C-alpha cells in the first residue's frame, strides 16, 4: 500500500500545472512619412475636325511674388528649354525660371515638390524634382499674361 501512495503522489506532482511566467517584451516603433506633391504635365485638349483650332496665345512675362501656395498648383507644361510654365487653380499662369545648368526637358513627364512647413513654393529656396531623380532650383517666378 505504501507503494501505491508514493506513485499517487508522483502522479499528482506530474499533473500540477506550472505557474505562469511573466514575460516582458519591449519594442520600439519609428514611423517615417514622406509627403510628395506630384504636379502633372498638361496635355493638349483634343479638338474635333468641325472646330477650327484657336490661334496660339502669345504670353508676356510680368513681375510677380517670390512665393506661391503649393495647394494652388494645378498643372505644368514645358514650353521653353529653361523654364516650366505653371497653371494655378483659377486659371492664373506663372513661369518658373530654372538655373542655366538645369534643362527643363527633364520635367516633360511632370515633377515633384517637397512640401515645406509654410505650405509655400518659393523661388531661390525650393526645387523641382524630376521622376528620374534630378533636381533643379527655381530661380524666379514670372506672371504670364496674354499679349494684346
N, C-alpha and C. Protein backbone atom coordinates (compact mmCIF):
# COMPACT_ATOMS: atom_id res chain seq x y z
N UNK A 1 0.81 -1.17 0.00
CA UNK A 1 0.00 0.00 0.00
C UNK A 1 0.86 1.24 0.00
N UNK A 2 1.96 1.16 0.61
CA UNK A 2 2.87 2.29 0.62
C UNK A 2 3.34 2.63 -0.77
N UNK A 3 3.53 1.65 -1.53
CA UNK A 3 3.95 1.86 -2.91
C UNK A 3 2.89 2.59 -3.71
N UNK A 4 1.66 2.32 -3.45
CA UNK A 4 0.56 2.95 -4.15
C UNK A 4 0.48 4.43 -3.80
N UNK A 5 0.66 4.80 -2.57
CA UNK A 5 0.63 6.20 -2.18
C UNK A 5 1.80 6.96 -2.78
N UNK A 6 2.91 6.35 -2.84
CA UNK A 6 4.08 7.00 -3.40
C UNK A 6 3.87 7.27 -4.88
N UNK A 7 3.36 6.30 -5.59
CA UNK A 7 3.15 6.52 -7.01
C UNK A 7 2.01 7.51 -7.23
N UNK A 8 1.01 7.55 -6.35
CA UNK A 8 -0.07 8.52 -6.49
C UNK A 8 0.45 9.92 -6.22
N UNK A 9 1.35 10.07 -5.28
CA UNK A 9 1.96 11.38 -5.00
C UNK A 9 2.77 11.86 -6.18
N UNK A 10 3.47 10.97 -6.84
CA UNK A 10 4.26 11.36 -8.00
C UNK A 10 3.33 11.73 -9.15
N UNK A 11 2.21 11.04 -9.26
CA UNK A 11 1.26 11.34 -10.32
C UNK A 11 0.64 12.72 -10.08
N UNK A 12 0.34 13.04 -8.85
CA UNK A 12 -0.25 14.34 -8.54
C UNK A 12 0.76 15.44 -8.83
N UNK A 13 2.03 15.21 -8.58
CA UNK A 13 3.05 16.21 -8.84
C UNK A 13 3.23 16.43 -10.34
N UNK A 14 3.07 15.37 -11.11
CA UNK A 14 3.25 15.49 -12.55
C UNK A 14 2.09 16.23 -13.19
N UNK A 15 0.89 16.20 -12.61
CA UNK A 15 -0.29 16.84 -13.20
C UNK A 15 -0.38 18.30 -12.77
N UNK A 16 0.25 18.69 -11.71
CA UNK A 16 0.18 20.07 -11.23
C UNK A 16 0.74 21.00 -12.29
N UNK A 17 -0.04 21.99 -12.70
CA UNK A 17 0.45 22.89 -13.76
C UNK A 17 1.55 23.80 -13.24
N UNK A 18 2.37 24.22 -14.17
CA UNK A 18 3.45 25.14 -13.83
C UNK A 18 2.85 26.52 -13.62
N UNK A 19 3.43 27.26 -12.76
CA UNK A 19 2.98 28.62 -12.55
C UNK A 19 3.36 29.44 -13.79
N UNK A 20 2.48 30.34 -14.24
CA UNK A 20 2.80 31.11 -15.44
C UNK A 20 3.96 32.07 -15.18
N UNK A 21 4.82 32.17 -16.14
CA UNK A 21 5.97 33.06 -16.05
C UNK A 21 5.62 34.33 -16.82
N UNK A 22 5.81 35.45 -16.21
CA UNK A 22 5.52 36.71 -16.90
C UNK A 22 6.71 37.09 -17.76
N UNK A 23 6.44 37.22 -19.03
CA UNK A 23 7.49 37.62 -19.98
C UNK A 23 7.25 39.07 -20.36
N UNK A 24 8.24 39.87 -20.18
CA UNK A 24 8.12 41.27 -20.57
C UNK A 24 8.82 41.44 -21.91
N UNK A 25 8.09 42.08 -22.80
CA UNK A 25 8.64 42.29 -24.12
C UNK A 25 8.55 43.78 -24.42
N UNK A 26 9.61 44.34 -24.87
CA UNK A 26 9.62 45.76 -25.18
C UNK A 26 10.05 45.92 -26.63
N UNK A 27 9.40 46.87 -27.29
CA UNK A 27 9.73 47.14 -28.70
C UNK A 27 9.65 48.63 -28.94
N UNK A 28 10.36 49.06 -29.94
CA UNK A 28 10.33 50.47 -30.32
C UNK A 28 9.93 50.54 -31.79
N UNK A 29 8.97 51.39 -32.10
CA UNK A 29 8.49 51.54 -33.47
C UNK A 29 8.71 52.99 -33.88
N UNK A 30 9.31 53.18 -35.02
CA UNK A 30 9.50 54.53 -35.56
C UNK A 30 8.71 54.64 -36.84
N UNK A 31 7.92 55.69 -36.94
CA UNK A 31 7.12 55.92 -38.14
C UNK A 31 7.74 57.08 -38.91
N UNK A 32 8.01 56.84 -40.16
CA UNK A 32 8.53 57.88 -41.04
C UNK A 32 7.51 58.08 -42.14
N UNK A 33 7.25 59.31 -42.45
CA UNK A 33 6.28 59.59 -43.50
C UNK A 33 6.89 60.60 -44.45
N UNK A 34 6.76 60.34 -45.73
CA UNK A 34 7.25 61.26 -46.74
C UNK A 34 6.06 61.69 -47.58
N UNK A 35 5.86 62.98 -47.66
CA UNK A 35 4.78 63.52 -48.47
C UNK A 35 5.41 64.21 -49.66
N UNK A 36 4.93 63.86 -50.82
CA UNK A 36 5.45 64.44 -52.06
C UNK A 36 4.27 64.95 -52.87
N UNK A 37 4.41 66.14 -53.42
CA UNK A 37 3.37 66.71 -54.26
C UNK A 37 3.77 66.44 -55.70
N UNK A 38 2.92 65.75 -56.45
CA UNK A 38 3.19 65.49 -57.86
C UNK A 38 2.40 66.47 -58.68
N UNK A 39 3.08 67.17 -59.59
CA UNK A 39 2.43 68.12 -60.48
C UNK A 39 2.40 67.50 -61.87
N UNK A 40 1.22 67.19 -62.39
CA UNK A 40 1.15 66.52 -63.70
C UNK A 40 1.42 67.48 -64.85
N UNK A 41 1.84 66.90 -65.95
CA UNK A 41 2.05 67.67 -67.17
C UNK A 41 0.70 67.86 -67.84
N UNK A 42 0.46 69.06 -68.37
CA UNK A 42 -0.79 69.33 -69.07
C UNK A 42 -0.73 68.73 -70.46
N UNK A 43 -1.83 68.19 -70.93
CA UNK A 43 -1.90 67.66 -72.28
C UNK A 43 -2.81 68.54 -73.10
N UNK A 44 -2.53 68.63 -74.37
CA UNK A 44 -3.35 69.45 -75.26
C UNK A 44 -4.73 68.82 -75.39
N UNK A 45 -5.75 69.63 -75.32
CA UNK A 45 -7.12 69.12 -75.45
C UNK A 45 -7.37 68.75 -76.91
N UNK A 46 -8.08 67.65 -77.10
CA UNK A 46 -8.39 67.22 -78.46
C UNK A 46 -9.55 68.06 -78.99
N UNK A 47 -9.42 68.48 -80.22
CA UNK A 47 -10.49 69.24 -80.86
C UNK A 47 -11.06 68.41 -81.99
N UNK A 48 -12.34 68.58 -82.22
CA UNK A 48 -12.95 67.82 -83.31
C UNK A 48 -12.60 68.49 -84.64
N UNK A 49 -12.79 67.78 -85.72
CA UNK A 49 -12.47 68.29 -87.05
C UNK A 49 -13.38 69.45 -87.43
N UNK A 50 -14.58 69.53 -86.86
CA UNK A 50 -15.51 70.61 -87.21
C UNK A 50 -15.06 71.93 -86.61
N UNK A 51 -14.38 71.90 -85.49
CA UNK A 51 -13.92 73.13 -84.84
C UNK A 51 -12.56 73.52 -85.39
N UNK A 52 -12.43 74.78 -85.76
CA UNK A 52 -11.13 75.28 -86.23
C UNK A 52 -10.25 75.50 -85.01
N UNK A 53 -8.97 75.15 -85.09
CA UNK A 53 -8.09 75.36 -83.94
C UNK A 53 -7.93 76.86 -83.66
N UNK A 54 -7.85 77.18 -82.40
CA UNK A 54 -7.66 78.57 -82.00
C UNK A 54 -6.21 78.97 -82.25
N UNK A 55 -5.98 80.23 -82.56
CA UNK A 55 -4.59 80.66 -82.73
C UNK A 55 -3.85 80.57 -81.39
N UNK A 56 -2.57 80.31 -81.44
CA UNK A 56 -1.83 80.19 -80.17
C UNK A 56 -1.80 81.53 -79.43
N UNK A 57 -1.80 81.45 -78.13
CA UNK A 57 -1.74 82.66 -77.29
C UNK A 57 -0.28 83.01 -77.09
N UNK A 58 0.04 84.26 -77.28
CA UNK A 58 1.40 84.74 -77.01
C UNK A 58 1.40 85.32 -75.61
N UNK A 59 2.27 84.79 -74.76
CA UNK A 59 2.32 85.21 -73.36
C UNK A 59 3.43 86.22 -73.14
N UNK A 60 3.17 87.18 -72.26
CA UNK A 60 4.16 88.18 -71.88
C UNK A 60 4.44 87.99 -70.39
N UNK A 61 5.71 88.07 -70.02
CA UNK A 61 6.09 87.90 -68.62
C UNK A 61 6.01 89.22 -67.86
N UNK A 62 5.53 89.14 -66.64
CA UNK A 62 5.43 90.30 -65.73
C UNK A 62 6.00 89.91 -64.37
N UNK A 63 6.36 90.92 -63.59
CA UNK A 63 6.83 90.67 -62.22
C UNK A 63 5.71 90.09 -61.38
N UNK A 64 6.08 89.25 -60.42
CA UNK A 64 5.11 88.65 -59.51
C UNK A 64 5.78 88.33 -58.18
N UNK A 65 5.03 87.76 -57.27
CA UNK A 65 5.55 87.42 -55.95
C UNK A 65 6.63 86.35 -56.04
N UNK A 66 7.43 86.28 -55.00
CA UNK A 66 8.51 85.30 -54.96
C UNK A 66 8.00 83.93 -54.53
N UNK A 67 6.85 83.87 -53.87
CA UNK A 67 6.30 82.60 -53.37
C UNK A 67 4.86 82.43 -53.82
N UNK A 68 4.45 81.16 -53.98
CA UNK A 68 3.06 80.82 -54.28
C UNK A 68 2.64 79.68 -53.35
N UNK A 69 1.36 79.56 -53.14
CA UNK A 69 0.85 78.47 -52.30
C UNK A 69 0.94 77.16 -53.07
N UNK A 70 1.51 76.15 -52.46
CA UNK A 70 1.65 74.84 -53.11
C UNK A 70 0.29 74.24 -53.43
N UNK A 71 -0.70 74.52 -52.62
CA UNK A 71 -2.04 73.97 -52.85
C UNK A 71 -2.72 74.55 -54.08
N UNK A 72 -2.21 75.65 -54.61
CA UNK A 72 -2.83 76.27 -55.79
C UNK A 72 -2.30 75.70 -57.10
N UNK A 73 -1.28 74.86 -57.07
CA UNK A 73 -0.73 74.28 -58.30
C UNK A 73 -1.72 73.29 -58.90
N UNK A 74 -2.02 73.48 -60.20
CA UNK A 74 -2.96 72.59 -60.88
C UNK A 74 -2.29 71.79 -61.99
N UNK A 75 -1.24 72.31 -62.59
CA UNK A 75 -0.58 71.59 -63.68
C UNK A 75 0.65 72.33 -64.16
N UNK A 76 1.37 71.71 -65.08
CA UNK A 76 2.60 72.31 -65.60
C UNK A 76 2.79 71.91 -67.05
N UNK A 77 3.54 72.75 -67.76
CA UNK A 77 3.88 72.47 -69.16
C UNK A 77 5.28 72.98 -69.42
N UNK A 78 6.04 72.21 -70.20
CA UNK A 78 7.38 72.63 -70.60
C UNK A 78 7.24 73.27 -71.98
N UNK A 79 7.42 74.58 -72.04
CA UNK A 79 7.30 75.29 -73.32
C UNK A 79 8.61 75.90 -73.78
N UNK A 80 9.57 75.99 -72.89
CA UNK A 80 10.89 76.55 -73.21
C UNK A 80 11.95 75.68 -72.56
N UNK A 81 13.16 75.71 -73.08
CA UNK A 81 14.20 74.83 -72.51
C UNK A 81 14.70 75.25 -71.13
N UNK A 82 14.43 76.48 -70.70
CA UNK A 82 14.97 76.96 -69.43
C UNK A 82 13.92 77.24 -68.37
N UNK A 83 12.68 76.83 -68.62
CA UNK A 83 11.62 77.14 -67.65
C UNK A 83 10.48 76.14 -67.74
N UNK A 84 9.63 76.20 -66.72
CA UNK A 84 8.43 75.37 -66.66
C UNK A 84 7.25 76.31 -66.41
N UNK A 85 6.22 76.22 -67.24
CA UNK A 85 5.03 77.05 -67.06
C UNK A 85 4.07 76.34 -66.11
N UNK A 86 3.59 77.07 -65.11
CA UNK A 86 2.70 76.51 -64.10
C UNK A 86 1.30 77.08 -64.28
N UNK A 87 0.31 76.23 -64.17
CA UNK A 87 -1.09 76.66 -64.19
C UNK A 87 -1.61 76.52 -62.76
N UNK A 88 -2.16 77.62 -62.25
CA UNK A 88 -2.68 77.63 -60.89
C UNK A 88 -4.18 77.46 -60.92
N UNK A 89 -4.74 77.01 -59.81
CA UNK A 89 -6.20 76.92 -59.74
C UNK A 89 -6.76 78.32 -59.93
N UNK A 90 -7.81 78.43 -60.69
CA UNK A 90 -8.35 79.74 -61.03
C UNK A 90 -7.89 80.23 -62.39
N UNK A 91 -6.96 79.50 -63.03
CA UNK A 91 -6.53 79.85 -64.37
C UNK A 91 -5.31 80.73 -64.48
N UNK A 92 -4.81 81.23 -63.40
CA UNK A 92 -3.61 82.07 -63.44
C UNK A 92 -2.41 81.24 -63.88
N UNK A 93 -1.48 81.88 -64.60
CA UNK A 93 -0.29 81.18 -65.10
C UNK A 93 0.97 81.88 -64.61
N UNK A 94 1.96 81.04 -64.30
CA UNK A 94 3.28 81.53 -63.89
C UNK A 94 4.34 80.79 -64.66
N UNK A 95 5.48 81.41 -64.81
CA UNK A 95 6.64 80.74 -65.40
C UNK A 95 7.69 80.62 -64.31
N UNK A 96 8.16 79.41 -64.07
CA UNK A 96 9.24 79.17 -63.12
C UNK A 96 10.53 79.07 -63.91
N UNK A 97 11.38 80.07 -63.77
CA UNK A 97 12.68 80.06 -64.46
C UNK A 97 13.65 79.21 -63.67
N UNK A 98 14.36 78.34 -64.38
CA UNK A 98 15.31 77.43 -63.75
C UNK A 98 16.72 77.91 -64.00
N UNK A 99 17.66 77.36 -63.27
CA UNK A 99 19.06 77.70 -63.46
C UNK A 99 19.57 77.29 -64.83
N UNK A 100 20.64 77.89 -65.28
CA UNK A 100 21.17 77.61 -66.62
C UNK A 100 21.69 76.18 -66.75
N UNK A 101 22.11 75.59 -65.65
CA UNK A 101 22.64 74.23 -65.69
C UNK A 101 21.54 73.18 -65.58
N UNK A 102 20.29 73.60 -65.67
CA UNK A 102 19.17 72.71 -65.44
C UNK A 102 18.18 72.77 -66.60
N UNK A 103 18.26 71.88 -67.56
CA UNK A 103 17.29 71.91 -68.65
C UNK A 103 15.90 71.46 -68.20
N UNK A 104 14.88 72.16 -68.66
CA UNK A 104 13.51 71.85 -68.26
C UNK A 104 12.99 70.58 -68.92
N UNK A 105 13.68 70.06 -69.91
CA UNK A 105 13.21 68.85 -70.59
C UNK A 105 13.12 67.66 -69.66
N UNK A 106 13.87 67.67 -68.56
CA UNK A 106 13.79 66.59 -67.57
C UNK A 106 12.41 66.53 -66.92
N UNK A 107 11.64 67.62 -67.01
CA UNK A 107 10.35 67.71 -66.34
C UNK A 107 9.19 67.51 -67.31
N UNK A 108 9.48 66.93 -68.48
CA UNK A 108 8.46 66.75 -69.50
C UNK A 108 7.30 65.89 -69.00
N UNK A 109 7.58 64.89 -68.18
CA UNK A 109 6.53 64.00 -67.67
C UNK A 109 6.00 64.42 -66.31
N UNK A 110 6.24 65.65 -65.91
CA UNK A 110 5.80 66.13 -64.61
C UNK A 110 6.96 66.18 -63.64
N UNK A 111 6.70 66.65 -62.45
CA UNK A 111 7.76 66.79 -61.45
C UNK A 111 7.16 66.70 -60.07
N UNK A 112 8.03 66.68 -59.08
CA UNK A 112 7.64 66.59 -57.69
C UNK A 112 8.17 67.79 -56.93
N UNK A 113 7.46 68.17 -55.89
CA UNK A 113 7.90 69.21 -54.98
C UNK A 113 7.88 68.65 -53.57
N UNK A 114 8.86 68.99 -52.79
CA UNK A 114 8.87 68.60 -51.38
C UNK A 114 8.14 69.69 -50.61
N UNK A 115 7.05 69.36 -49.93
CA UNK A 115 6.30 70.39 -49.22
C UNK A 115 7.11 70.98 -48.06
N UNK A 116 6.86 72.22 -47.80
CA UNK A 116 7.55 72.91 -46.71
C UNK A 116 6.55 73.17 -45.58
N UNK A 117 7.06 73.55 -44.45
CA UNK A 117 6.20 73.77 -43.28
C UNK A 117 5.25 74.95 -43.47
N UNK A 118 5.62 75.91 -44.32
CA UNK A 118 4.75 77.07 -44.53
C UNK A 118 3.76 76.85 -45.68
N UNK A 119 3.85 75.73 -46.40
CA UNK A 119 2.90 75.43 -47.47
C UNK A 119 3.11 76.24 -48.73
N UNK A 120 4.26 76.88 -48.86
CA UNK A 120 4.55 77.74 -50.00
C UNK A 120 5.67 77.13 -50.85
N UNK A 121 5.68 77.51 -52.12
CA UNK A 121 6.78 77.19 -53.02
C UNK A 121 7.43 78.52 -53.35
N UNK A 122 8.71 78.66 -53.04
CA UNK A 122 9.39 79.94 -53.19
C UNK A 122 10.59 79.83 -54.13
N UNK A 123 10.78 80.90 -54.92
CA UNK A 123 11.96 80.99 -55.78
C UNK A 123 13.18 81.21 -54.90
N UNK A 124 14.31 80.73 -55.36
CA UNK A 124 15.60 80.82 -54.67
C UNK A 124 15.61 80.07 -53.34
N UNK A 125 14.59 79.21 -53.11
CA UNK A 125 14.57 78.36 -51.93
C UNK A 125 14.23 76.92 -52.30
N UNK A 126 13.20 76.72 -53.10
CA UNK A 126 12.70 75.38 -53.41
C UNK A 126 13.18 74.90 -54.77
N UNK A 127 12.99 73.60 -55.00
CA UNK A 127 13.46 72.99 -56.25
C UNK A 127 12.42 72.02 -56.78
N UNK A 128 12.42 71.84 -58.09
CA UNK A 128 11.62 70.80 -58.73
C UNK A 128 12.45 69.54 -58.74
N UNK A 129 11.80 68.40 -58.56
CA UNK A 129 12.48 67.11 -58.63
C UNK A 129 11.85 66.30 -59.76
N UNK A 130 12.70 65.81 -60.64
CA UNK A 130 12.19 65.02 -61.77
C UNK A 130 11.96 63.59 -61.33
N UNK A 131 11.22 62.85 -62.14
CA UNK A 131 10.95 61.45 -61.82
C UNK A 131 12.22 60.62 -61.86
N UNK A 132 13.21 61.07 -62.63
CA UNK A 132 14.46 60.32 -62.74
C UNK A 132 15.42 60.63 -61.59
N UNK A 133 15.05 61.55 -60.71
CA UNK A 133 15.90 61.83 -59.55
C UNK A 133 16.65 63.14 -59.64
N UNK A 134 16.57 63.84 -60.77
CA UNK A 134 17.25 65.13 -60.90
C UNK A 134 16.56 66.21 -60.08
N UNK A 135 17.27 67.28 -59.86
CA UNK A 135 16.73 68.37 -59.05
C UNK A 135 17.17 69.69 -59.65
N UNK A 136 16.23 70.63 -59.80
CA UNK A 136 16.53 71.96 -60.33
C UNK A 136 15.93 73.02 -59.41
N UNK A 137 16.74 73.94 -59.02
CA UNK A 137 16.31 75.03 -58.16
C UNK A 137 15.51 76.04 -58.97
N UNK A 138 14.45 76.56 -58.37
CA UNK A 138 13.63 77.60 -59.00
C UNK A 138 14.33 78.93 -58.76
N UNK A 139 14.72 79.60 -59.84
CA UNK A 139 15.44 80.87 -59.71
C UNK A 139 14.48 82.05 -59.55
N UNK A 140 13.35 82.05 -60.28
CA UNK A 140 12.41 83.16 -60.21
C UNK A 140 11.05 82.74 -60.76
N UNK A 141 10.01 83.40 -60.29
CA UNK A 141 8.67 83.25 -60.85
C UNK A 141 8.34 84.50 -61.64
N UNK A 142 7.66 84.31 -62.77
CA UNK A 142 7.18 85.43 -63.59
C UNK A 142 5.72 85.15 -63.92
N UNK A 143 4.88 86.16 -63.78
CA UNK A 143 3.46 86.03 -64.13
C UNK A 143 3.34 86.04 -65.64
N UNK A 144 2.46 85.20 -66.19
CA UNK A 144 2.22 85.17 -67.63
C UNK A 144 0.85 85.78 -67.90
N UNK A 145 0.83 86.77 -68.77
CA UNK A 145 -0.43 87.41 -69.18
C UNK A 145 -0.49 87.39 -70.70
N UNK A 146 -1.68 87.25 -71.29
CA UNK A 146 -1.78 87.25 -72.75
C UNK A 146 -1.37 88.61 -73.32
N UNK A 147 -0.63 88.58 -74.42
CA UNK A 147 -0.22 89.82 -75.10
C UNK A 147 -1.44 90.43 -75.77
N UNK A 148 -1.48 91.74 -75.86
CA UNK A 148 -2.61 92.42 -76.52
C UNK A 148 -2.35 92.65 -77.96
